Amino acid sequence: MKQPYFSTAMITKISLCIALLIVSGFIRFPLPMTPSPVSAQTLVVNLTALILSPMQAFVTIGIFLLMGLIGIPVFGGSGGISSFLGPNGGFIIGFLFAAWAISFANQVLKQVIKNHSIRYIVVTIVVGMPIIYLFGTVFMCLVLQMDVRAALMAAVVPFIVGDVIKCIAASAVALALNRALSRQLS
C-alpha cells in the first residue's frame, strides 16, 4: 500500500511549524528607520524550509498566509487583507516563495555541499533572504511610493546583519532537529 504524502508525523510537523510562525510574529521590535519591524518570523520560515520538503514548506507557509488573509491575527497581532496590502505585505508574501526555494535548493545541493551546516546557511542566506528582500522592496516601492534606493534602505539594509544571524540560528536548530528526527525514524 502506498504511503500518503502527508502522514500523521508530517501533518504534526507542519502544524508545529505553523504554530511557531504565529508565535514568532509576536517576537518583534520596531526599527526607527523603517516601517517594518524586526521579527522572528524569518527565522521560523528558514527553519520550516530546512526541515520540510519543498511542497510541505509551501503548504505550511500557504496555510499560515491563508489564516492571516481570512483575518486571524497571525502576523504579530494583525491579519486580514490589509496585512497583505501594507508596507510589510511583500515580506509576508515573500515567505511563501522563499520557503519553497530554500527547501528546493537544499535538496538540489545535497550532492554538491555535503556539510549540512554549510549547506543550510548557504541556502537560507543566498537563496531565501534575497527572495524575501525582493518582495519586501517591491511592495515598499508600490505601497509607500518610494524609489528603489529608498526602499532598499528601508526594506533590506537595516535587516541584513540580523537576518544573517537568524539564518545561522535557523540552520543550527534545523541541523539538530533533522538529526533527532532521522534517529527517531530509523
Protein backbone atom coordinates (compact mmCIF):
# COMPACT_ATOMS: atom_id res chain seq x y z
CA MET A 1 0.00 0.00 0.00
CA LYS A 2 1.29 3.43 -0.95
CA GLN A 3 2.32 5.75 1.89
CA PRO A 4 0.38 9.04 1.98
CA TYR A 5 2.43 12.12 1.18
CA PHE A 6 1.15 13.80 4.32
CA SER A 7 1.49 11.23 7.10
CA THR A 8 0.41 11.88 10.66
CA ALA A 9 4.01 12.70 11.57
CA MET A 10 4.27 15.14 8.65
CA ILE A 11 0.96 16.84 9.49
CA THR A 12 2.25 17.21 13.05
CA LYS A 13 5.49 18.84 11.80
CA ILE A 14 3.50 21.19 9.56
CA SER A 15 1.16 22.12 12.41
CA LEU A 16 4.07 22.81 14.74
CA CYS A 17 5.75 24.97 12.10
CA ILE A 18 2.54 26.98 11.66
CA ALA A 19 2.28 27.44 15.43
CA LEU A 20 5.91 28.59 15.56
CA LEU A 21 5.27 31.04 12.72
CA ILE A 22 2.34 32.55 14.60
CA VAL A 23 4.22 32.83 17.91
CA SER A 24 7.34 34.22 16.19
CA GLY A 25 5.27 37.08 14.78
CA PHE A 26 4.85 38.37 18.32
CA ILE A 27 8.62 38.38 18.86
CA ARG A 28 9.26 41.73 17.24
CA PHE A 29 10.61 45.19 17.81
CA PRO A 30 10.48 48.35 15.71
CA LEU A 31 13.40 50.00 13.99
CA PRO A 32 13.34 53.80 13.71
CA MET A 33 14.41 53.97 10.05
CA THR A 34 11.86 51.56 8.55
CA PRO A 35 8.12 50.86 8.69
CA SER A 36 8.87 47.13 9.04
CA PRO A 37 9.71 45.70 12.45
CA VAL A 38 12.34 43.08 13.12
CA SER A 39 10.57 39.80 13.86
CA ALA A 40 11.48 36.19 14.47
CA GLN A 41 9.29 35.05 11.58
CA THR A 42 12.16 34.95 9.09
CA LEU A 43 14.00 32.58 11.44
CA VAL A 44 10.97 30.26 11.50
CA VAL A 45 10.42 30.50 7.73
CA ASN A 46 14.03 29.37 7.24
CA LEU A 47 13.67 26.61 9.82
CA THR A 48 10.46 25.37 8.19
CA ALA A 49 12.15 25.24 4.80
CA LEU A 50 15.11 23.29 6.17
CA ILE A 51 13.08 20.58 7.90
CA LEU A 52 10.33 20.06 5.30
CA SER A 53 10.25 19.14 1.61
CA PRO A 54 9.60 21.96 -0.88
CA MET A 55 5.91 21.06 -1.25
CA GLN A 56 5.43 20.67 2.50
CA ALA A 57 7.17 24.00 3.17
CA PHE A 58 4.98 25.68 0.53
CA VAL A 59 1.82 24.18 2.05
CA THR A 60 2.89 25.19 5.57
CA ILE A 61 3.53 28.82 4.67
CA GLY A 62 0.44 28.81 2.42
CA ILE A 63 -1.82 27.74 5.29
CA PHE A 64 -0.22 30.36 7.53
CA LEU A 65 -0.86 33.06 4.90
CA LEU A 66 -4.46 31.90 4.36
CA MET A 67 -5.06 32.10 8.10
CA GLY A 68 -3.85 35.70 8.01
CA LEU A 69 -5.80 36.51 4.86
CA ILE A 70 -9.12 35.44 6.42
CA GLY A 71 -8.46 37.71 9.37
CA ILE A 72 -6.85 35.51 12.01
CA PRO A 73 -4.23 37.74 13.70
CA VAL A 74 -1.19 35.60 12.81
CA PHE A 75 1.09 38.45 11.70
CA GLY A 76 2.17 39.71 15.10
CA GLY A 77 -1.39 40.51 16.16
CA SER A 78 -2.77 41.61 12.82
CA GLY A 79 -4.47 39.81 9.97
CA GLY A 80 -6.77 40.39 7.04
CA ILE A 81 -6.23 41.70 3.55
CA SER A 82 -4.76 44.94 4.90
CA SER A 83 -1.74 42.99 6.16
CA PHE A 84 -1.00 41.97 2.59
CA LEU A 85 -1.61 45.41 1.11
CA GLY A 86 0.52 47.35 3.59
CA PRO A 87 4.26 48.02 3.52
CA ASN A 88 5.01 44.63 5.13
CA GLY A 89 2.87 42.68 2.68
CA GLY A 90 5.79 41.96 0.39
CA PHE A 91 7.76 40.31 3.14
CA ILE A 92 4.76 38.18 4.11
CA ILE A 93 4.14 37.04 0.53
CA GLY A 94 7.88 36.52 0.01
CA PHE A 95 7.85 33.95 2.83
CA LEU A 96 5.86 31.56 0.62
CA PHE A 97 8.29 31.61 -2.29
CA ALA A 98 11.41 31.76 -0.12
CA ALA A 99 10.40 28.68 1.89
CA TRP A 100 9.84 26.64 -1.25
CA ALA A 101 13.07 27.88 -2.85
CA ILE A 102 15.18 27.23 0.27
CA SER A 103 13.84 23.70 0.61
CA PHE A 104 14.27 23.01 -3.10
CA ALA A 105 17.83 24.40 -3.17
CA ASN A 106 18.68 22.39 -0.06
CA GLN A 107 17.58 19.18 -1.80
CA VAL A 108 19.35 20.02 -5.07
CA LEU A 109 22.62 20.95 -3.33
CA LYS A 110 22.80 17.79 -1.17
CA GLN A 111 25.26 16.20 -3.60
CA VAL A 112 27.30 19.39 -4.09
CA ILE A 113 27.61 20.61 -0.50
CA LYS A 114 27.87 17.54 1.75
CA ASN A 115 28.26 19.50 5.00
CA HIS A 116 24.70 20.09 6.26
CA SER A 117 25.59 23.16 8.35
CA ILE A 118 27.25 24.97 5.47
CA ARG A 119 24.52 23.98 3.00
CA TYR A 120 21.78 25.19 5.34
CA ILE A 121 23.48 28.53 5.90
CA VAL A 122 24.17 28.99 2.17
CA VAL A 123 20.61 28.24 1.03
CA THR A 124 19.00 30.45 3.67
CA ILE A 125 21.30 33.44 3.12
CA VAL A 126 21.90 33.16 -0.65
CA VAL A 127 18.51 31.81 -1.78
CA GLY A 128 15.85 32.61 0.80
CA MET A 129 16.64 36.06 2.13
CA PRO A 130 17.07 37.68 -1.32
CA ILE A 131 13.59 36.44 -2.27
CA ILE A 132 12.06 37.92 0.89
CA TYR A 133 14.00 41.15 0.33
CA LEU A 134 12.87 41.34 -3.30
CA PHE A 135 9.19 41.06 -2.40
CA GLY A 136 9.60 43.46 0.54
CA THR A 137 11.37 46.04 -1.60
CA VAL A 138 8.87 45.87 -4.45
CA PHE A 139 5.94 46.28 -2.06
CA MET A 140 7.56 49.23 -0.32
CA CYS A 141 8.11 50.87 -3.71
CA LEU A 142 4.47 50.36 -4.62
CA VAL A 143 2.72 50.95 -1.30
CA LEU A 144 4.83 53.79 0.05
CA GLN A 145 5.68 55.20 -3.41
CA MET A 146 9.41 55.01 -2.72
CA ASP A 147 12.14 54.87 -5.30
CA VAL A 148 14.20 51.67 -5.35
CA ARG A 149 17.11 53.15 -3.40
CA ALA A 150 14.86 54.41 -0.59
CA ALA A 151 13.00 51.10 -0.50
CA LEU A 152 16.27 49.14 -0.26
CA MET A 153 17.35 51.40 2.61
CA ALA A 154 14.05 50.72 4.38
CA ALA A 155 13.39 47.07 3.45
CA VAL A 156 16.85 45.49 3.23
CA VAL A 157 19.81 47.36 4.70
CA PRO A 158 18.56 47.60 8.32
CA PHE A 159 17.83 43.86 8.38
CA ILE A 160 20.91 42.27 6.81
CA VAL A 161 23.00 41.63 9.93
CA GLY A 162 20.04 40.39 11.98
CA ASP A 163 18.83 38.18 9.15
CA VAL A 164 22.25 36.58 8.74
CA ILE A 165 22.22 35.80 12.45
CA LYS A 166 18.68 34.38 12.18
CA CYS A 167 19.72 32.25 9.18
CA ILE A 168 22.62 30.81 11.17
CA ALA A 169 20.34 30.17 14.17
CA ALA A 170 17.69 28.51 11.99
CA SER A 171 20.39 26.36 10.39
CA ALA A 172 21.68 25.22 13.78
CA VAL A 173 18.19 24.36 15.04
CA ALA A 174 17.32 22.58 11.77
CA LEU A 175 20.52 20.55 11.94
CA ALA A 176 19.67 19.38 15.46
CA LEU A 177 16.02 18.67 14.60
CA ASN A 178 16.82 16.78 11.42
CA ARG A 179 19.40 14.67 13.28
CA ALA A 180 16.96 13.90 16.08
CA LEU A 181 14.14 13.08 13.68
CA SER A 182 16.32 10.86 11.47
CA ARG A 183 17.45 8.86 14.54
CA GLN A 184 13.87 8.53 15.70
CA LEU A 185 12.62 7.33 12.31
CA SER A 186 15.38 4.76 11.80
